[in-house]
Amino acid sequence: VRAIGAEDVPTLWAGAQFYAPAFGDDGAEGLREWVTALLAEHGPVPLVRAEALPPDTRCAALGLVGSGTALAELPPVGDEFTTALSGIERRLGQRVEAVFPLAAAALNALTPLVAACLRGLPLIDSDGMGRVFPLVQYTSLHLAGLPVGPVCAAGPAGESLTVEAASADRVETMLRAQVHLMGGWAATASYPCAAAELRRAGLHGTVSRLLAAGRV
Protein backbone atom coordinates (compact mmCIF):
# COMPACT_ATOMS: atom_id res chain seq x y z
CA VAL A 1 0.00 0.00 0.00
CA ARG A 2 1.31 3.40 -0.99
CA ALA A 3 0.26 6.77 0.37
CA ILE A 4 0.04 10.16 -1.32
CA GLY A 5 1.44 12.99 0.80
CA ALA A 6 1.89 16.72 0.40
CA GLU A 7 5.31 16.21 -1.21
CA ASP A 8 3.69 14.08 -3.98
CA VAL A 9 1.29 16.76 -5.23
CA PRO A 10 3.70 18.36 -7.77
CA THR A 11 4.49 14.91 -9.20
CA LEU A 12 0.82 13.93 -9.33
CA TRP A 13 -0.07 17.21 -11.03
CA ALA A 14 2.69 16.82 -13.62
CA GLY A 15 1.29 13.41 -14.54
CA ALA A 16 -2.26 14.75 -14.50
CA GLN A 17 -1.28 17.38 -17.08
CA PHE A 18 0.48 14.79 -19.23
CA TYR A 19 -2.76 12.84 -19.59
CA ALA A 20 -4.74 15.99 -20.37
CA PRO A 21 -2.45 17.87 -22.77
CA ALA A 22 -5.18 20.21 -24.01
CA PHE A 23 -6.17 21.30 -20.51
CA GLY A 24 -5.44 24.84 -19.38
CA ASP A 25 -4.12 25.83 -15.96
CA ASP A 26 -7.15 27.87 -14.88
CA GLY A 27 -8.13 27.02 -11.33
CA ALA A 28 -5.27 24.57 -10.89
CA GLU A 29 -2.94 26.64 -8.72
CA GLY A 30 -5.50 27.24 -6.00
CA LEU A 31 -6.62 23.61 -6.01
CA ARG A 32 -3.04 22.34 -5.81
CA GLU A 33 -2.28 24.63 -2.88
CA TRP A 34 -5.47 23.53 -1.10
CA VAL A 35 -4.76 19.81 -1.59
CA THR A 36 -1.14 20.28 -0.47
CA ALA A 37 -2.25 22.09 2.69
CA LEU A 38 -4.84 19.41 3.50
CA LEU A 39 -2.31 16.61 3.09
CA ALA A 40 0.20 18.49 5.26
CA GLU A 41 -2.44 18.95 7.97
CA HIS A 42 -4.16 15.55 7.89
CA GLY A 43 -1.32 13.35 6.71
CA PRO A 44 -0.91 11.15 3.63
CA VAL A 45 -3.88 9.45 1.99
CA PRO A 46 -3.53 5.66 1.50
CA LEU A 47 -3.54 4.62 -2.15
CA VAL A 48 -5.04 1.14 -2.43
CA ARG A 49 -5.83 -1.30 -5.21
CA ALA A 50 -9.49 -2.15 -5.72
CA GLU A 51 -8.78 -5.85 -5.28
CA ALA A 52 -7.25 -5.18 -1.85
CA LEU A 53 -10.59 -3.96 -0.49
CA PRO A 54 -13.36 -6.22 0.81
CA PRO A 55 -15.78 -6.89 -2.08
CA ASP A 56 -18.68 -5.07 -0.42
CA THR A 57 -16.73 -1.87 0.35
CA ARG A 58 -18.90 1.06 -0.71
CA CYS A 59 -17.06 3.31 -3.18
CA ALA A 60 -17.84 6.49 -5.11
CA ALA A 61 -16.21 8.59 -7.81
CA LEU A 62 -15.29 12.18 -6.97
CA GLY A 63 -14.93 14.78 -9.68
CA LEU A 64 -15.32 18.36 -10.71
CA VAL A 65 -17.87 19.31 -13.35
CA GLY A 66 -17.73 22.69 -15.06
CA SER A 67 -15.12 25.27 -15.92
CA GLY A 68 -11.60 25.66 -14.56
CA THR A 69 -11.94 29.37 -15.27
CA ALA A 70 -15.04 29.50 -13.08
CA LEU A 71 -13.13 27.64 -10.37
CA ALA A 72 -10.37 30.25 -10.50
CA GLU A 73 -12.88 33.10 -10.27
CA LEU A 74 -15.04 31.45 -7.59
CA PRO A 75 -12.70 29.33 -5.43
CA PRO A 76 -13.96 26.53 -3.19
CA VAL A 77 -15.28 27.40 0.24
CA GLY A 78 -13.87 24.09 1.46
CA ASP A 79 -16.81 21.76 2.04
CA GLU A 80 -17.95 21.14 -1.53
CA PHE A 81 -16.49 17.65 -1.95
CA THR A 82 -17.56 16.38 1.47
CA THR A 83 -21.03 17.84 0.87
CA ALA A 84 -21.29 15.97 -2.42
CA LEU A 85 -20.21 12.77 -0.69
CA SER A 86 -22.69 13.29 2.14
CA GLY A 87 -25.47 13.87 -0.36
CA ILE A 88 -24.90 10.55 -2.10
CA GLU A 89 -24.68 8.80 1.29
CA ARG A 90 -28.03 10.21 2.38
CA ARG A 91 -29.64 9.11 -0.86
CA LEU A 92 -28.22 5.58 -0.61
CA GLY A 93 -28.52 5.22 3.16
CA GLN A 94 -24.92 3.96 3.28
CA ARG A 95 -21.53 5.40 4.19
CA VAL A 96 -18.93 5.68 1.46
CA GLU A 97 -15.78 3.89 2.60
CA ALA A 98 -13.37 4.65 -0.26
CA VAL A 99 -13.17 7.12 -3.14
CA PHE A 100 -11.65 7.17 -6.60
CA PRO A 101 -11.26 9.82 -9.32
CA LEU A 102 -13.93 10.04 -11.98
CA ALA A 103 -11.03 10.80 -14.35
CA ALA A 104 -7.38 10.30 -13.41
CA ALA A 105 -6.18 13.42 -15.22
CA ALA A 106 -6.33 17.23 -15.04
CA LEU A 107 -8.14 18.71 -12.02
CA ASN A 108 -10.07 15.49 -11.44
CA ALA A 109 -6.84 13.77 -10.44
CA LEU A 110 -6.65 16.03 -7.38
CA THR A 111 -10.28 16.39 -6.31
CA PRO A 112 -10.73 12.97 -4.61
CA LEU A 113 -7.81 13.79 -2.32
CA VAL A 114 -9.87 16.58 -0.76
CA ALA A 115 -12.64 14.26 0.38
CA ALA A 116 -10.17 11.52 1.29
CA CYS A 117 -8.25 13.93 3.55
CA LEU A 118 -11.28 15.42 5.24
CA ARG A 119 -13.07 12.09 5.70
CA GLY A 120 -10.05 9.89 6.46
CA LEU A 121 -10.78 7.61 3.49
CA PRO A 122 -8.45 5.65 1.20
CA LEU A 123 -8.02 6.61 -2.46
CA ILE A 124 -8.50 3.71 -4.88
CA ASP A 125 -5.90 3.35 -7.64
CA SER A 126 -8.57 3.24 -10.35
CA ASP A 127 -10.76 5.56 -12.35
CA GLY A 128 -13.40 5.44 -15.06
CA MET A 129 -11.75 7.30 -17.93
CA GLY A 130 -7.96 6.88 -17.93
CA ARG A 131 -7.72 10.47 -19.15
CA VAL A 132 -10.21 13.35 -19.49
CA PHE A 133 -13.43 12.96 -21.43
CA PRO A 134 -16.06 15.70 -21.48
CA LEU A 135 -19.17 13.89 -20.23
CA VAL A 136 -19.86 12.04 -16.99
CA GLN A 137 -21.09 8.94 -18.85
CA TYR A 138 -17.91 8.60 -20.96
CA THR A 139 -16.51 5.95 -18.65
CA SER A 140 -15.68 2.27 -18.56
CA LEU A 141 -18.10 2.10 -15.63
CA HIS A 142 -21.00 3.15 -17.85
CA LEU A 143 -19.92 0.75 -20.59
CA ALA A 144 -19.93 -2.05 -18.01
CA GLY A 145 -23.51 -1.22 -17.04
CA LEU A 146 -22.98 0.58 -13.73
CA PRO A 147 -25.40 3.47 -13.16
CA VAL A 148 -23.89 6.94 -13.05
CA GLY A 149 -26.39 8.09 -10.45
CA PRO A 150 -27.49 9.16 -8.09
CA VAL A 151 -25.11 12.07 -8.68
CA CYS A 152 -24.77 14.68 -5.96
CA ALA A 153 -23.34 18.07 -6.94
CA ALA A 154 -22.26 20.77 -4.50
CA GLY A 155 -21.36 24.29 -5.56
CA PRO A 156 -19.28 27.10 -4.04
CA ALA A 157 -22.37 29.11 -3.02
CA GLY A 158 -23.53 26.47 -0.53
CA GLU A 159 -26.07 24.85 -2.83
CA SER A 160 -26.28 21.14 -3.53
CA LEU A 161 -28.56 18.90 -5.53
CA THR A 162 -29.03 15.25 -6.38
CA VAL A 163 -29.69 14.22 -9.97
CA GLU A 164 -31.30 10.97 -11.04
CA ALA A 165 -32.75 10.20 -14.45
CA ALA A 166 -33.71 7.29 -16.65
CA SER A 167 -30.56 7.54 -18.75
CA ALA A 168 -26.97 8.65 -18.23
CA ASP A 169 -27.32 11.10 -21.13
CA ARG A 170 -30.20 12.77 -19.34
CA VAL A 171 -28.22 12.92 -16.08
CA GLU A 172 -25.46 14.76 -17.95
CA THR A 173 -27.88 17.24 -19.54
CA MET A 174 -29.61 18.04 -16.25
CA LEU A 175 -26.34 18.27 -14.31
CA ARG A 176 -24.71 20.70 -16.75
CA ALA A 177 -27.75 22.97 -16.73
CA GLN A 178 -27.72 23.19 -12.95
CA VAL A 179 -23.95 23.61 -12.63
CA HIS A 180 -24.19 26.68 -14.82
CA LEU A 181 -26.63 28.19 -12.31
CA MET A 182 -24.48 27.14 -9.33
CA GLY A 183 -21.55 29.31 -10.38
CA GLY A 184 -19.97 27.48 -13.30
CA TRP A 185 -18.49 24.51 -11.43
CA ALA A 186 -19.47 21.94 -8.84
CA ALA A 187 -17.95 19.06 -6.90
CA THR A 188 -19.66 15.79 -7.76
CA ALA A 189 -20.00 12.35 -6.23
CA SER A 190 -21.17 9.70 -8.68
CA TYR A 191 -21.03 6.03 -9.68
CA PRO A 192 -21.71 4.59 -6.21
CA CYS A 193 -20.67 0.96 -6.35
CA ALA A 194 -19.17 -1.90 -4.38
CA ALA A 195 -15.45 -2.60 -4.66
CA ALA A 196 -16.28 -5.87 -6.45
CA GLU A 197 -18.15 -3.89 -9.13
CA LEU A 198 -15.28 -1.43 -9.48
CA ARG A 199 -12.83 -4.31 -9.95
CA ARG A 200 -14.93 -5.50 -12.89
CA ALA A 201 -15.70 -2.14 -14.47
CA GLY A 202 -12.89 0.31 -13.60
CA LEU A 203 -9.55 1.14 -15.16
CA HIS A 204 -6.89 0.13 -12.68
CA GLY A 205 -3.48 1.51 -11.76
CA THR A 206 -4.30 4.88 -13.32
CA VAL A 207 -3.37 7.00 -10.29
CA SER A 208 -0.03 5.20 -10.01
CA ARG A 209 0.44 5.86 -13.72
CA LEU A 210 0.08 9.61 -13.13
CA LEU A 211 2.74 9.48 -10.42
CA ALA A 212 5.07 7.49 -12.68
CA ALA A 213 4.60 9.93 -15.56
CA GLY A 214 5.05 12.88 -13.24
CA ARG A 215 8.36 11.51 -11.93
CA VAL A 216 9.64 11.19 -15.51
C-alpha atoms as a PDB file:
ATOM      1  CA  VAL A   1       0.000   0.000   0.000  1.00  0.00           C
ATOM      2  CA  ARG A   2       1.306   3.396  -0.994  1.00  0.00           C
ATOM      3  CA  ALA A   3       0.258   6.767   0.371  1.00  0.00           C
ATOM      4  CA  ILE A   4       0.043  10.156  -1.321  1.00  0.00           C
ATOM      5  CA  GLY A   5       1.438  12.990   0.796  1.00  0.00           C
ATOM      6  CA  ALA A   6       1.887  16.720   0.397  1.00  0.00           C
ATOM      7  CA  GLU A   7       5.306  16.211  -1.210  1.00  0.00           C
ATOM      8  CA  ASP A   8       3.689  14.079  -3.976  1.00  0.00           C
ATOM      9  CA  VAL A   9       1.291  16.757  -5.231  1.00  0.00           C
ATOM     10  CA  PRO A  10       3.703  18.357  -7.769  1.00  0.00           C
ATOM     11  CA  THR A  11       4.491  14.912  -9.202  1.00  0.00           C
ATOM     12  CA  LEU A  12       0.824  13.927  -9.334  1.00  0.00           C
ATOM     13  CA  TRP A  13      -0.068  17.206 -11.027  1.00  0.00           C
ATOM     14  CA  ALA A  14       2.694  16.815 -13.625  1.00  0.00           C
ATOM     15  CA  GLY A  15       1.291  13.409 -14.538  1.00  0.00           C
ATOM     16  CA  ALA A  16      -2.262  14.750 -14.503  1.00  0.00           C
ATOM     17  CA  GLN A  17      -1.279  17.384 -17.078  1.00  0.00           C
ATOM     18  CA  PHE A  18       0.484  14.785 -19.233  1.00  0.00           C
ATOM     19  CA  TYR A  19      -2.759  12.836 -19.593  1.00  0.00           C
ATOM     20  CA  ALA A  20      -4.745  15.993 -20.369  1.00  0.00           C
ATOM     21  CA  PRO A  21      -2.451  17.873 -22.772  1.00  0.00           C
ATOM     22  CA  ALA A  22      -5.183  20.214 -24.012  1.00  0.00           C
ATOM     23  CA  PHE A  23      -6.168  21.297 -20.509  1.00  0.00           C
ATOM     24  CA  GLY A  24      -5.439  24.838 -19.377  1.00  0.00           C
ATOM     25  CA  ASP A  25      -4.117  25.828 -15.956  1.00  0.00           C
ATOM     26  CA  ASP A  26      -7.152  27.870 -14.876  1.00  0.00           C
ATOM     27  CA  GLY A  27      -8.134  27.024 -11.329  1.00  0.00           C
ATOM     28  CA  ALA A  28      -5.275  24.568 -10.890  1.00  0.00           C
ATOM     29  CA  GLU A  29      -2.940  26.643  -8.719  1.00  0.00           C
ATOM     30  CA  GLY A  30      -5.497  27.240  -6.001  1.00  0.00           C
ATOM     31  CA  LEU A  31      -6.622  23.611  -6.009  1.00  0.00           C
ATOM     32  CA  ARG A  32      -3.037  22.341  -5.813  1.00  0.00           C
ATOM     33  CA  GLU A  33      -2.281  24.625  -2.881  1.00  0.00           C
ATOM     34  CA  TRP A  34      -5.468  23.526  -1.104  1.00  0.00           C
ATOM     35  CA  VAL A  35      -4.760  19.812  -1.589  1.00  0.00           C
ATOM     36  CA  THR A  36      -1.138  20.276  -0.469  1.00  0.00           C
ATOM     37  CA  ALA A  37      -2.255  22.090   2.693  1.00  0.00           C
ATOM     38  CA  LEU A  38      -4.842  19.408   3.498  1.00  0.00           C
ATOM     39  CA  LEU A  39      -2.306  16.607   3.094  1.00  0.00           C
ATOM     40  CA  ALA A  40       0.196  18.490   5.255  1.00  0.00           C
ATOM     41  CA  GLU A  41      -2.444  18.953   7.968  1.00  0.00           C
ATOM     42  CA  HIS A  42      -4.160  15.552   7.892  1.00  0.00           C
ATOM     43  CA  GLY A  43      -1.316  13.352   6.708  1.00  0.00           C
ATOM     44  CA  PRO A  44      -0.908  11.149   3.634  1.00  0.00           C
ATOM     45  CA  VAL A  45      -3.877   9.446   1.988  1.00  0.00           C
ATOM     46  CA  PRO A  46      -3.530   5.660   1.505  1.00  0.00           C
ATOM     47  CA  LEU A  47      -3.536   4.616  -2.151  1.00  0.00           C
ATOM     48  CA  VAL A  48      -5.040   1.137  -2.429  1.00  0.00           C
ATOM     49  CA  ARG A  49      -5.830  -1.302  -5.213  1.00  0.00           C
ATOM     50  CA  ALA A  50      -9.488  -2.148  -5.724  1.00  0.00           C
ATOM     51  CA  GLU A  51      -8.782  -5.852  -5.278  1.00  0.00           C
ATOM     52  CA  ALA A  52      -7.246  -5.185  -1.852  1.00  0.00           C
ATOM     53  CA  LEU A  53     -10.588  -3.959  -0.489  1.00  0.00           C
ATOM     54  CA  PRO A  54     -13.363  -6.225   0.815  1.00  0.00           C
ATOM     55  CA  PRO A  55     -15.781  -6.889  -2.080  1.00  0.00           C
ATOM     56  CA  ASP A  56     -18.682  -5.073  -0.416  1.00  0.00           C
ATOM     57  CA  THR A  57     -16.729  -1.870   0.351  1.00  0.00           C
ATOM     58  CA  ARG A  58     -18.901   1.058  -0.705  1.00  0.00           C
ATOM     59  CA  CYS A  59     -17.058   3.312  -3.181  1.00  0.00           C
ATOM     60  CA  ALA A  60     -17.844   6.489  -5.108  1.00  0.00           C
ATOM     61  CA  ALA A  61     -16.209   8.589  -7.806  1.00  0.00           C
ATOM     62  CA  LEU A  62     -15.291  12.181  -6.967  1.00  0.00           C
ATOM     63  CA  GLY A  63     -14.932  14.777  -9.677  1.00  0.00           C
ATOM     64  CA  LEU A  64     -15.317  18.363 -10.707  1.00  0.00           C
ATOM     65  CA  VAL A  65     -17.865  19.310 -13.347  1.00  0.00           C
ATOM     66  CA  GLY A  66     -17.727  22.686 -15.062  1.00  0.00           C
ATOM     67  CA  SER A  67     -15.119  25.269 -15.923  1.00  0.00           C
ATOM     68  CA  GLY A  68     -11.604  25.659 -14.563  1.00  0.00           C
ATOM     69  CA  THR A  69     -11.941  29.367 -15.273  1.00  0.00           C
ATOM     70  CA  ALA A  70     -15.045  29.501 -13.078  1.00  0.00           C
ATOM     71  CA  LEU A  71     -13.129  27.636 -10.367  1.00  0.00           C
ATOM     72  CA  ALA A  72     -10.371  30.251 -10.503  1.00  0.00           C
ATOM     73  CA  GLU A  73     -12.881  33.103 -10.267  1.00  0.00           C
ATOM     74  CA  LEU A  74     -15.042  31.453  -7.593  1.00  0.00           C
ATOM     75  CA  PRO A  75     -12.700  29.335  -5.430  1.00  0.00           C
ATOM     76  CA  PRO A  76     -13.957  26.529  -3.193  1.00  0.00           C
ATOM     77  CA  VAL A  77     -15.280  27.400   0.235  1.00  0.00           C
ATOM     78  CA  GLY A  78     -13.874  24.092   1.458  1.00  0.00           C
ATOM     79  CA  ASP A  79     -16.810  21.760   2.041  1.00  0.00           C
ATOM     80  CA  GLU A  80     -17.948  21.140  -1.534  1.00  0.00           C
ATOM     81  CA  PHE A  81     -16.492  17.646  -1.946  1.00  0.00           C
ATOM     82  CA  THR A  82     -17.556  16.383   1.467  1.00  0.00           C
ATOM     83  CA  THR A  83     -21.031  17.839   0.873  1.00  0.00           C
ATOM     84  CA  ALA A  84     -21.286  15.968  -2.422  1.00  0.00           C
ATOM     85  CA  LEU A  85     -20.206  12.767  -0.688  1.00  0.00           C
ATOM     86  CA  SER A  86     -22.690  13.288   2.144  1.00  0.00           C
ATOM     87  CA  GLY A  87     -25.467  13.866  -0.361  1.00  0.00           C
ATOM     88  CA  ILE A  88     -24.903  10.550  -2.098  1.00  0.00           C
ATOM     89  CA  GLU A  89     -24.681   8.797   1.286  1.00  0.00           C
ATOM     90  CA  ARG A  90     -28.033  10.210   2.381  1.00  0.00           C
ATOM     91  CA  ARG A  91     -29.636   9.113  -0.863  1.00  0.00           C
ATOM     92  CA  LEU A  92     -28.221   5.580  -0.607  1.00  0.00           C
ATOM     93  CA  GLY A  93     -28.525   5.219   3.160  1.00  0.00           C
ATOM     94  CA  GLN A  94     -24.918   3.962   3.284  1.00  0.00           C
ATOM     95  CA  ARG A  95     -21.534   5.403   4.192  1.00  0.00           C
ATOM     96  CA  VAL A  96     -18.927   5.682   1.464  1.00  0.00           C
ATOM     97  CA  GLU A  97     -15.779   3.887   2.605  1.00  0.00           C
ATOM     98  CA  ALA A  98     -13.368   4.655  -0.257  1.00  0.00           C
ATOM     99  CA  VAL A  99     -13.174   7.121  -3.137  1.00  0.00           C
ATOM    100  CA  PHE A 100     -11.650   7.168  -6.597  1.00  0.00           C
ATOM    101  CA  PRO A 101     -11.264   9.817  -9.322  1.00  0.00           C
ATOM    102  CA  LEU A 102     -13.929  10.035 -11.984  1.00  0.00           C
ATOM    103  CA  ALA A 103     -11.033  10.798 -14.354  1.00  0.00           C
ATOM    104  CA  ALA A 104      -7.384  10.299 -13.414  1.00  0.00           C
ATOM    105  CA  ALA A 105      -6.175  13.422 -15.224  1.00  0.00           C
ATOM    106  CA  ALA A 106      -6.331  17.229 -15.035  1.00  0.00           C
ATOM    107  CA  LEU A 107      -8.137  18.711 -12.019  1.00  0.00           C
ATOM    108  CA  ASN A 108     -10.075  15.493 -11.438  1.00  0.00           C
ATOM    109  CA  ALA A 109      -6.842  13.767 -10.443  1.00  0.00           C
ATOM    110  CA  LEU A 110      -6.654  16.033  -7.378  1.00  0.00           C
ATOM    111  CA  THR A 111     -10.278  16.386  -6.313  1.00  0.00           C
ATOM    112  CA  PRO A 112     -10.732  12.972  -4.614  1.00  0.00           C
ATOM    113  CA  LEU A 113      -7.810  13.787  -2.315  1.00  0.00           C
ATOM    114  CA  VAL A 114      -9.865  16.583  -0.755  1.00  0.00           C
ATOM    115  CA  ALA A 115     -12.644  14.264   0.381  1.00  0.00           C
ATOM    116  CA  ALA A 116     -10.166  11.523   1.290  1.00  0.00           C
ATOM    117  CA  CYS A 117      -8.251  13.927   3.548  1.00  0.00           C
ATOM    118  CA  LEU A 118     -11.280  15.418   5.236  1.00  0.00           C
ATOM    119  CA  ARG A 119     -13.067  12.092   5.705  1.00  0.00           C
ATOM    120  CA  GLY A 120     -10.055   9.893   6.463  1.00  0.00           C
ATOM    121  CA  LEU A 121     -10.780   7.613   3.486  1.00  0.00           C
ATOM    122  CA  PRO A 122      -8.449   5.655   1.198  1.00  0.00           C
ATOM    123  CA  LEU A 123      -8.022   6.610  -2.458  1.00  0.00           C
ATOM    124  CA  ILE A 124      -8.498   3.713  -4.881  1.00  0.00           C
ATOM    125  CA  ASP A 125      -5.897   3.354  -7.636  1.00  0.00           C
ATOM    126  CA  SER A 126      -8.567   3.238 -10.347  1.00  0.00           C
ATOM    127  CA  ASP A 127     -10.759   5.560 -12.354  1.00  0.00           C
ATOM    128  CA  GLY A 128     -13.401   5.437 -15.057  1.00  0.00           C
ATOM    129  CA  MET A 129     -11.746   7.296 -17.933  1.00  0.00           C
ATOM    130  CA  GLY A 130      -7.961   6.882 -17.930  1.00  0.00           C
ATOM    131  CA  ARG A 131      -7.717  10.471 -19.145  1.00  0.00           C
ATOM    132  CA  VAL A 132     -10.206  13.354 -19.489  1.00  0.00           C
ATOM    133  CA  PHE A 133     -13.428  12.957 -21.432  1.00  0.00           C
ATOM    134  CA  PRO A 134     -16.059  15.699 -21.479  1.00  0.00           C
ATOM    135  CA  LEU A 135     -19.174  13.894 -20.231  1.00  0.00           C
ATOM    136  CA  VAL A 136     -19.856  12.038 -16.986  1.00  0.00           C
ATOM    137  CA  GLN A 137     -21.088   8.945 -18.848  1.00  0.00           C
ATOM    138  CA  TYR A 138     -17.910   8.597 -20.958  1.00  0.00           C
ATOM    139  CA  THR A 139     -16.509   5.947 -18.646  1.00  0.00           C
ATOM    140  CA  SER A 140     -15.677   2.266 -18.563  1.00  0.00           C
ATOM    141  CA  LEU A 141     -18.102   2.099 -15.628  1.00  0.00           C
ATOM    142  CA  HIS A 142     -21.000   3.154 -17.846  1.00  0.00           C
ATOM    143  CA  LEU A 143     -19.917   0.749 -20.590  1.00  0.00           C
ATOM    144  CA  ALA A 144     -19.931  -2.053 -18.012  1.00  0.00           C
ATOM    145  CA  GLY A 145     -23.510  -1.220 -17.035  1.00  0.00           C
ATOM    146  CA  LEU A 146     -22.976   0.580 -13.727  1.00  0.00           C
ATOM    147  CA  PRO A 147     -25.400   3.471 -13.157  1.00  0.00           C
ATOM    148  CA  VAL A 148     -23.887   6.937 -13.046  1.00  0.00           C
ATOM    149  CA  GLY A 149     -26.386   8.092 -10.449  1.00  0.00           C
ATOM    150  CA  PRO A 150     -27.485   9.161  -8.092  1.00  0.00           C
ATOM    151  CA  VAL A 151     -25.108  12.068  -8.677  1.00  0.00           C
ATOM    152  CA  CYS A 152     -24.774  14.677  -5.959  1.00  0.00           C
ATOM    153  CA  ALA A 153     -23.336  18.065  -6.937  1.00  0.00           C
ATOM    154  CA  ALA A 154     -22.257  20.773  -4.495  1.00  0.00           C
ATOM    155  CA  GLY A 155     -21.358  24.294  -5.559  1.00  0.00           C
ATOM    156  CA  PRO A 156     -19.281  27.096  -4.038  1.00  0.00           C
ATOM    157  CA  ALA A 157     -22.367  29.105  -3.020  1.00  0.00           C
ATOM    158  CA  GLY A 158     -23.529  26.473  -0.525  1.00  0.00           C
ATOM    159  CA  GLU A 159     -26.066  24.849  -2.831  1.00  0.00           C
ATOM    160  CA  SER A 160     -26.282  21.139  -3.526  1.00  0.00           C
ATOM    161  CA  LEU A 161     -28.565  18.899  -5.527  1.00  0.00           C
ATOM    162  CA  THR A 162     -29.029  15.255  -6.384  1.00  0.00           C
ATOM    163  CA  VAL A 163     -29.685  14.219  -9.969  1.00  0.00           C
ATOM    164  CA  GLU A 164     -31.296  10.969 -11.038  1.00  0.00           C
ATOM    165  CA  ALA A 165     -32.752  10.196 -14.447  1.00  0.00           C
ATOM    166  CA  ALA A 166     -33.714   7.291 -16.650  1.00  0.00           C
ATOM    167  CA  SER A 167     -30.563   7.537 -18.755  1.00  0.00           C
ATOM    168  CA  ALA A 168     -26.968   8.653 -18.233  1.00  0.00           C
ATOM    169  CA  ASP A 169     -27.321  11.098 -21.129  1.00  0.00           C
ATOM    170  CA  ARG A 170     -30.196  12.771 -19.340  1.00  0.00           C
ATOM    171  CA  VAL A 171     -28.216  12.923 -16.076  1.00  0.00           C
ATOM    172  CA  GLU A 172     -25.456  14.763 -17.947  1.00  0.00           C
ATOM    173  CA  THR A 173     -27.884  17.236 -19.542  1.00  0.00           C
ATOM    174  CA  MET A 174     -29.607  18.043 -16.254  1.00  0.00           C
ATOM    175  CA  LEU A 175     -26.345  18.267 -14.315  1.00  0.00           C
ATOM    176  CA  ARG A 176     -24.707  20.698 -16.751  1.00  0.00           C
ATOM    177  CA  ALA A 177     -27.755  22.968 -16.735  1.00  0.00           C
ATOM    178  CA  GLN A 178     -27.724  23.190 -12.950  1.00  0.00           C
ATOM    179  CA  VAL A 179     -23.951  23.607 -12.627  1.00  0.00           C
ATOM    180  CA  HIS A 180     -24.189  26.678 -14.816  1.00  0.00           C
ATOM    181  CA  LEU A 181     -26.629  28.186 -12.307  1.00  0.00           C
ATOM    182  CA  MET A 182     -24.480  27.145  -9.334  1.00  0.00           C
ATOM    183  CA  GLY A 183     -21.546  29.315 -10.382  1.00  0.00           C
ATOM    184  CA  GLY A 184     -19.967  27.478 -13.301  1.00  0.00           C
ATOM    185  CA  TRP A 185     -18.486  24.508 -11.429  1.00  0.00           C
ATOM    186  CA  ALA A 186     -19.470  21.937  -8.840  1.00  0.00           C
ATOM    187  CA  ALA A 187     -17.949  19.064  -6.902  1.00  0.00           C
ATOM    188  CA  THR A 188     -19.656  15.788  -7.759  1.00  0.00           C
ATOM    189  CA  ALA A 189     -19.998  12.353  -6.231  1.00  0.00           C
ATOM    190  CA  SER A 190     -21.173   9.699  -8.682  1.00  0.00           C
ATOM    191  CA  TYR A 191     -21.026   6.025  -9.677  1.00  0.00           C
ATOM    192  CA  PRO A 192     -21.715   4.592  -6.215  1.00  0.00           C
ATOM    193  CA  CYS A 193     -20.665   0.964  -6.354  1.00  0.00           C
ATOM    194  CA  ALA A 194     -19.169  -1.901  -4.385  1.00  0.00           C
ATOM    195  CA  ALA A 195     -15.446  -2.605  -4.658  1.00  0.00           C
ATOM    196  CA  ALA A 196     -16.278  -5.869  -6.454  1.00  0.00           C
ATOM    197  CA  GLU A 197     -18.148  -3.889  -9.125  1.00  0.00           C
ATOM    198  CA  LEU A 198     -15.285  -1.430  -9.480  1.00  0.00           C
ATOM    199  CA  ARG A 199     -12.830  -4.314  -9.946  1.00  0.00           C
ATOM    200  CA  ARG A 200     -14.927  -5.499 -12.890  1.00  0.00           C
ATOM    201  CA  ALA A 201     -15.704  -2.137 -14.467  1.00  0.00           C
ATOM    202  CA  GLY A 202     -12.889   0.305 -13.599  1.00  0.00           C
ATOM    203  CA  LEU A 203      -9.554   1.143 -15.163  1.00  0.00           C
ATOM    204  CA  HIS A 204      -6.893   0.128 -12.677  1.00  0.00           C
ATOM    205  CA  GLY A 205      -3.477   1.512 -11.763  1.00  0.00           C
ATOM    206  CA  THR A 206      -4.298   4.882 -13.315  1.00  0.00           C
ATOM    207  CA  VAL A 207      -3.370   7.002 -10.287  1.00  0.00           C
ATOM    208  CA  SER A 208      -0.026   5.204 -10.014  1.00  0.00           C
ATOM    209  CA  ARG A 209       0.435   5.863 -13.717  1.00  0.00           C
ATOM    210  CA  LEU A 210       0.084   9.605 -13.128  1.00  0.00           C
ATOM    211  CA  LEU A 211       2.743   9.480 -10.424  1.00  0.00           C
ATOM    212  CA  ALA A 212       5.075   7.489 -12.685  1.00  0.00           C
ATOM    213  CA  ALA A 213       4.601   9.927 -15.562  1.00  0.00           C
ATOM    214  CA  GLY A 214       5.048  12.880 -13.238  1.00  0.00           C
ATOM    215  CA  ARG A 215       8.357  11.512 -11.932  1.00  0.00           C
ATOM    216  CA  VAL A 216       9.640  11.194 -15.508  1.00  0.00           C
END
